[in-house]
Structures are given as C-alpha cells and as structure tokens.
Amino acid sequence: MAKSKRAALVTGGGRNIGRACVLGLAEDGFNVAINGSSDRAACEAVAREAAKFGVEAIVIMGDVGNAEDCQRIAGEAIKKFGTVDALLNNAALRPNKPFLEMTEAEWRRVISVDLDAAVWLARACLPGMVQKGWGRIVNFAGMNAIHGHAGRTPVSVAKHGVWGLTKALAMEFGPKNITINAISPGPIAPDSEEKNASAQARAQTVARVPLGRMGKPIEVAAAARLLVSETGGYINGQMIQVNGGGAT
C-alpha cells in the first residue's frame, strides 16, 4: 500500500489484534496513537516497534469506558498529530457470567467499554475528519454480535449496538468522505497463550472453522488496513467477517 501521512488512534493497542493493527498502520505510514488501560509497558513496546517504520508513535493511557477519558485520549492524539484520520475502536471486555448473576455495575461496565467508547471517541474525532474532508472509523464487532453467546449477554448486546452505530454513522458521514465499517473477528489466537482456553475447548473451536485453524491477529489487521486505505474508500457501512469461514 502507498505510504500515508495521516494519523490513527487505536484503542486496546498493546496486544493481540490492537497491536497488529498499530504495526500494520505504521507500516502503511500512519503516525499512531496507542491507547491502553493498564499495561503501559506493553503499549510502549508496541510504540517502539511502530517507530521502526519511520513514523511517530505515542502512548495515551486511559479508560475508554469513561466518557471524559475518551475525550482526553482523542484530544491528546489530535493535539499531537493535528487530527485523528483513522479511529480503530478495538478495546473490549468479554467477561463470562450467567445473566441472572450479573450485577448492574457489571452490566454497565461492559456496555461502557464495548459500546459507549465507540460513541464518545467517534464524537471526539469526527469533527476533525469532517473539517478535513477525509476519515475512517473501524469498529470491532465479533461473533458475539453475529451469533450471541451464552454467558456474555452484555457483550452480545454491546456488539450488536456497535454494528447499529456503524451503519447509522456510515449513512450520516459518508457524504463527507468519511467511511465507517466494522470487522467481526472469528476465533483468533492471542499473542500469549497463558490465558487461552483449554486444549479441549480450543480443539472444539477449531473444529467449527472450515479452514481448520485459529486466525492470527495480523489477518484481522489486514482487513483494518484495507478499510483505512485510499483503495478501501468505497467500502462503507459494511461488516467484514474475518473468521475462517463462519465459526459459531
């Protein structure tokens, strides 16, 4: 892809899909703002990797589940780079808990991180995109939105909301040369296997994937790179499923 002179903000950019997106965008010439909520060291390591592509990379720590933090995170990126040309709303929580055992606080926490953050960050970044006449937003949905997931009711609700937000914003801001799309990853192998599922659960998941394997973060990032590129500019209001063929 041709080198860009634009800037991107990636939430949850310290590991896994977020990290792969940061590095892919840096390779494409985007200056990058990397957001994380707790592991600054991981985010700073990604920033050092990104800088090797000759771009500027900064770390902005903060809780995207908090509206004021979203405004600050976006504001710091805009102050540094002038605008945020590409916003990737990747950060998410995916707790497992029976619906009837969930507290109100637990419900609202998931909704705030998995859905509200995409709203507040879009509101913070869109004015600059409108002024510039160019912009890209990539939201992350997932199988929890497509199929639902027992024990992850708030995640499924939030990700359905993200898909609705994507379609509505695509209609509203498409005339201003701003595209808004969603990516729905399938089973993706994390950078670290420490917290991965048991071997049996992993085998059951892989058995439902026609390609017969887990996906890689870099394969999800490839879709994000297309969506924020010039050549991806006619893709708008879509959900791209990167799932090996439709695993549930």
Protein backbone atom coordinates (compact mmCIF):
# COMPACT_ATOMS: atom_id res chain seq x y z
CA MET A 1 0.00 0.00 0.00
CA ALA A 2 1.09 3.57 -0.61
CA LYS A 3 2.59 5.38 2.33
CA SER A 4 0.23 7.63 4.26
CA LYS A 5 0.94 10.92 6.02
CA ARG A 6 -2.10 10.53 8.26
CA ALA A 7 -2.62 9.66 11.92
CA ALA A 8 -4.51 6.81 13.57
CA LEU A 9 -5.78 6.16 17.09
CA VAL A 10 -6.06 2.52 18.12
CA THR A 11 -7.68 1.57 21.42
CA GLY A 12 -6.55 -1.61 23.11
CA GLY A 13 -3.37 -1.27 21.07
CA GLY A 14 -0.96 -3.01 23.41
CA ARG A 15 -1.54 -6.60 22.39
CA ASN A 16 -3.19 -9.06 20.06
CA ILE A 17 -5.41 -7.53 17.34
CA GLY A 18 -4.79 -3.99 18.53
CA ARG A 19 -1.03 -4.43 18.39
CA ALA A 20 -1.22 -5.95 14.91
CA CYS A 21 -3.35 -3.02 13.72
CA VAL A 22 -0.91 -0.48 15.13
CA LEU A 23 2.05 -2.11 13.43
CA GLY A 24 0.19 -2.56 10.14
CA LEU A 25 -0.88 1.07 10.04
CA ALA A 26 2.63 2.20 10.95
CA GLU A 27 3.98 0.14 8.06
CA ASP A 28 1.49 1.96 5.82
CA GLY A 29 2.86 5.28 7.03
CA PHE A 30 0.32 6.31 9.65
CA ASN A 31 1.51 8.07 12.74
CA VAL A 32 -0.11 6.14 15.57
CA ALA A 33 -1.57 6.88 18.99
CA ILE A 34 -1.73 3.70 21.06
CA ASN A 35 -4.27 3.54 23.85
CA GLY A 36 -4.23 1.05 26.69
CA SER A 37 -5.97 0.91 30.05
CA SER A 38 -3.40 -0.69 32.36
CA ASP A 39 -0.30 -2.18 30.73
CA ARG A 40 1.78 0.86 29.78
CA ALA A 41 4.89 -1.26 29.25
CA ALA A 42 3.14 -3.31 26.56
CA CYS A 43 1.90 -0.17 24.81
CA GLU A 44 5.34 1.41 24.92
CA ALA A 45 6.86 -1.75 23.45
CA VAL A 46 4.40 -1.55 20.56
CA ALA A 47 5.23 2.13 20.10
CA ARG A 48 8.92 1.29 19.78
CA GLU A 49 8.12 -1.37 17.18
CA ALA A 50 5.92 1.06 15.25
CA ALA A 51 8.58 3.76 15.24
CA LYS A 52 10.88 1.44 13.31
CA PHE A 53 8.69 2.14 10.27
CA GLY A 54 9.73 5.78 10.40
CA VAL A 55 6.50 7.14 11.89
CA GLU A 56 5.71 8.87 15.15
CA ALA A 57 4.13 6.65 17.80
CA ILE A 58 2.77 7.83 21.13
CA VAL A 59 1.11 6.09 24.06
CA ILE A 60 -2.04 7.51 25.64
CA MET A 61 -3.20 5.55 28.64
CA GLY A 62 -6.81 5.82 29.75
CA ASP A 63 -10.10 4.06 30.39
CA VAL A 64 -12.26 4.19 27.27
CA GLY A 65 -15.21 3.14 29.40
CA ASN A 66 -15.17 6.66 30.81
CA ALA A 67 -16.55 9.44 28.60
CA GLU A 68 -14.16 12.07 29.98
CA ASP A 69 -11.18 9.78 29.39
CA CYS A 70 -12.34 9.23 25.80
CA GLN A 71 -12.36 12.98 25.24
CA ARG A 72 -8.90 13.31 26.77
CA ILE A 73 -7.44 10.38 24.80
CA ALA A 74 -8.73 11.72 21.50
CA GLY A 75 -7.72 15.25 22.47
CA GLU A 76 -4.12 14.24 23.16
CA ALA A 77 -3.88 12.43 19.83
CA ILE A 78 -5.34 15.42 17.98
CA LYS A 79 -3.02 17.81 19.80
CA LYS A 80 -0.03 15.71 18.76
CA PHE A 81 -0.95 14.98 15.15
CA GLY A 82 -3.44 17.71 14.22
CA THR A 83 -6.28 15.28 13.52
CA VAL A 84 -7.16 11.65 14.01
CA ASP A 85 -7.73 10.48 10.45
CA ALA A 86 -8.39 6.84 11.31
CA LEU A 87 -10.06 5.66 14.53
CA LEU A 88 -9.97 1.97 15.38
CA ASN A 89 -12.28 1.11 18.29
CA ASN A 90 -10.69 -2.19 19.29
CA ALA A 91 -10.72 -2.20 23.12
CA ALA A 92 -13.30 -4.56 24.63
CA LEU A 93 -14.25 -6.59 27.67
CA ARG A 94 -15.56 -10.16 27.25
CA PRO A 95 -16.41 -11.49 30.71
CA ASN A 96 -18.28 -14.75 31.15
CA LYS A 97 -21.03 -14.69 33.74
CA PRO A 98 -24.56 -16.11 33.86
CA PHE A 99 -27.14 -13.46 33.02
CA LEU A 100 -29.10 -13.85 36.26
CA GLU A 101 -25.95 -13.48 38.38
CA MET A 102 -24.79 -10.24 36.79
CA THR A 103 -24.89 -7.04 38.79
CA GLU A 104 -25.97 -3.71 37.36
CA ALA A 105 -22.41 -2.40 37.72
CA GLU A 106 -21.00 -5.36 35.78
CA TRP A 107 -23.56 -4.86 33.01
CA ARG A 108 -22.87 -1.15 32.68
CA ARG A 109 -19.11 -1.65 32.72
CA VAL A 110 -19.20 -3.93 29.68
CA ILE A 111 -21.60 -1.65 27.81
CA SER A 112 -19.43 1.36 28.55
CA VAL A 113 -16.23 -0.20 27.19
CA ASP A 114 -17.68 -2.28 24.35
CA LEU A 115 -20.24 0.21 23.01
CA ASP A 116 -20.18 3.65 24.63
CA ALA A 117 -16.46 4.11 23.98
CA ALA A 118 -17.06 3.85 20.23
CA VAL A 119 -19.69 6.58 20.55
CA TRP A 120 -17.59 9.00 22.59
CA LEU A 121 -14.42 8.53 20.55
CA ALA A 122 -16.31 8.96 17.29
CA ARG A 123 -17.83 12.19 18.60
CA ALA A 124 -14.37 13.42 19.55
CA CYS A 125 -12.68 12.52 16.26
CA LEU A 126 -15.38 13.15 13.67
CA PRO A 127 -15.28 16.97 13.73
CA GLY A 128 -11.67 16.94 12.55
CA MET A 129 -12.47 14.37 9.89
CA VAL A 130 -15.38 16.49 8.66
CA GLN A 131 -13.20 19.59 8.53
CA LYS A 132 -10.52 17.72 6.60
CA GLY A 133 -12.99 16.02 4.28
CA TRP A 134 -11.49 12.58 4.87
CA GLY A 135 -11.76 10.00 7.60
CA ARG A 136 -12.02 6.35 8.52
CA ILE A 137 -13.59 4.65 11.53
CA VAL A 138 -13.27 0.91 12.08
CA ASN A 139 -15.35 -0.63 14.85
CA PHE A 140 -14.91 -4.18 16.07
CA ALA A 141 -17.97 -6.38 16.45
CA GLY A 142 -17.43 -10.13 16.58
CA MET A 143 -19.17 -13.46 16.81
CA ASN A 144 -20.88 -12.31 19.99
CA ALA A 145 -22.83 -9.87 17.83
CA ILE A 146 -23.46 -12.30 14.98
CA HIS A 147 -24.48 -15.40 16.91
CA GLY A 148 -24.94 -14.39 20.53
CA HIS A 149 -23.03 -16.08 23.32
CA ALA A 150 -24.37 -17.74 26.45
CA GLY A 151 -22.81 -16.10 29.48
CA ARG A 152 -21.83 -12.99 27.54
CA THR A 153 -25.14 -11.23 27.22
CA PRO A 154 -23.82 -7.68 27.71
CA VAL A 155 -21.05 -8.33 25.17
CA SER A 156 -23.57 -9.56 22.60
CA VAL A 157 -25.81 -6.55 23.26
CA ALA A 158 -22.92 -4.10 23.05
CA LYS A 159 -21.54 -5.60 19.85
CA HIS A 160 -24.98 -5.54 18.24
CA GLY A 161 -25.04 -1.87 19.21
CA VAL A 162 -21.65 -1.31 17.61
CA TRP A 163 -22.98 -2.78 14.37
CA GLY A 164 -26.00 -0.47 14.51
CA LEU A 165 -23.77 2.51 15.26
CA THR A 166 -21.55 1.61 12.31
CA LYS A 167 -24.44 1.51 9.85
CA ALA A 168 -26.01 4.74 11.09
CA LEU A 169 -22.77 6.74 11.07
CA ALA A 170 -21.88 5.38 7.64
CA MET A 171 -25.10 6.83 6.28
CA GLU A 172 -24.65 10.17 8.04
CA PHE A 173 -20.97 10.79 7.34
CA GLY A 174 -20.47 9.01 4.01
CA PRO A 175 -21.42 12.21 2.13
CA LYS A 176 -18.49 13.90 3.88
CA ASN A 177 -15.97 11.33 2.52
CA ILE A 178 -15.77 9.51 5.85
CA THR A 179 -16.26 5.75 5.89
CA ILE A 180 -17.37 3.76 8.92
CA ASN A 181 -17.12 -0.01 8.86
CA ALA A 182 -16.96 -2.93 11.26
CA ILE A 183 -14.78 -6.02 11.49
CA SER A 184 -16.07 -9.22 13.03
CA PRO A 185 -13.15 -11.45 14.02
CA GLY A 186 -13.63 -15.17 14.48
CA PRO A 187 -11.51 -17.27 16.85
CA ILE A 188 -8.15 -15.52 16.96
CA ALA A 189 -5.07 -16.94 18.68
CA PRO A 190 -3.74 -14.35 21.16
CA ASP A 191 -0.15 -13.14 21.32
CA SER A 192 0.22 -15.05 24.59
CA GLU A 193 -1.22 -18.48 25.27
CA GLU A 194 -1.18 -18.04 29.06
CA LYS A 195 -4.88 -17.17 29.34
CA ASN A 196 -6.05 -19.18 26.39
CA ALA A 197 -8.76 -21.81 26.69
CA SER A 198 -8.03 -25.44 27.49
CA ALA A 199 -6.70 -27.67 24.74
CA GLN A 200 -10.10 -29.39 24.54
CA ALA A 201 -12.01 -26.11 24.19
CA ARG A 202 -9.51 -24.92 21.62
CA ALA A 203 -9.91 -28.11 19.60
CA GLN A 204 -13.70 -27.76 19.68
CA THR A 205 -13.44 -24.19 18.43
CA VAL A 206 -11.06 -25.09 15.62
CA ALA A 207 -13.31 -27.98 14.58
CA ARG A 208 -16.04 -25.46 13.72
CA VAL A 209 -13.76 -23.39 11.48
CA PRO A 210 -13.76 -24.55 7.85
CA LEU A 211 -10.10 -23.55 7.48
CA GLY A 212 -9.29 -25.81 10.43
CA ARG A 213 -7.26 -23.35 12.50
CA MET A 214 -7.38 -20.27 14.68
CA GLY A 215 -6.87 -16.93 13.00
CA LYS A 216 -3.92 -14.62 13.55
CA PRO A 217 -4.10 -11.00 14.74
CA ILE A 218 -2.22 -9.94 11.61
CA GLU A 219 -5.04 -11.38 9.47
CA VAL A 220 -7.59 -9.19 11.21
CA ALA A 221 -5.25 -6.22 10.90
CA ALA A 222 -5.09 -6.82 7.15
CA ALA A 223 -8.80 -6.08 6.92
CA ALA A 224 -8.39 -2.94 9.02
CA ARG A 225 -5.53 -1.75 6.79
CA LEU A 226 -7.75 -2.11 3.74
CA LEU A 227 -10.63 -0.24 5.35
CA VAL A 228 -8.49 2.78 6.29
CA SER A 229 -6.64 2.90 2.98
CA GLU A 230 -7.36 5.05 -0.05
CA THR A 231 -8.14 1.95 -2.09
CA GLY A 232 -10.70 0.88 0.53
CA GLY A 233 -12.54 4.16 0.23
CA TYR A 234 -15.63 2.72 -1.49
CA ILE A 235 -16.31 0.29 1.36
CA ASN A 236 -18.76 1.93 3.75
CA GLY A 237 -21.30 0.67 6.28
CA GLN A 238 -20.11 -2.91 5.98
CA MET A 239 -19.14 -5.67 8.38
CA ILE A 240 -16.18 -7.74 7.24
CA GLN A 241 -16.04 -11.14 8.87
CA VAL A 242 -12.53 -12.48 9.36
CA ASN A 243 -13.43 -15.85 10.75
CA GLY A 244 -12.08 -18.65 8.57
CA GLY A 245 -15.47 -19.38 7.09
CA GLY A 246 -18.16 -18.80 9.69
CA ALA A 247 -17.38 -20.46 13.01
CA THR A 248 -20.05 -20.01 15.67
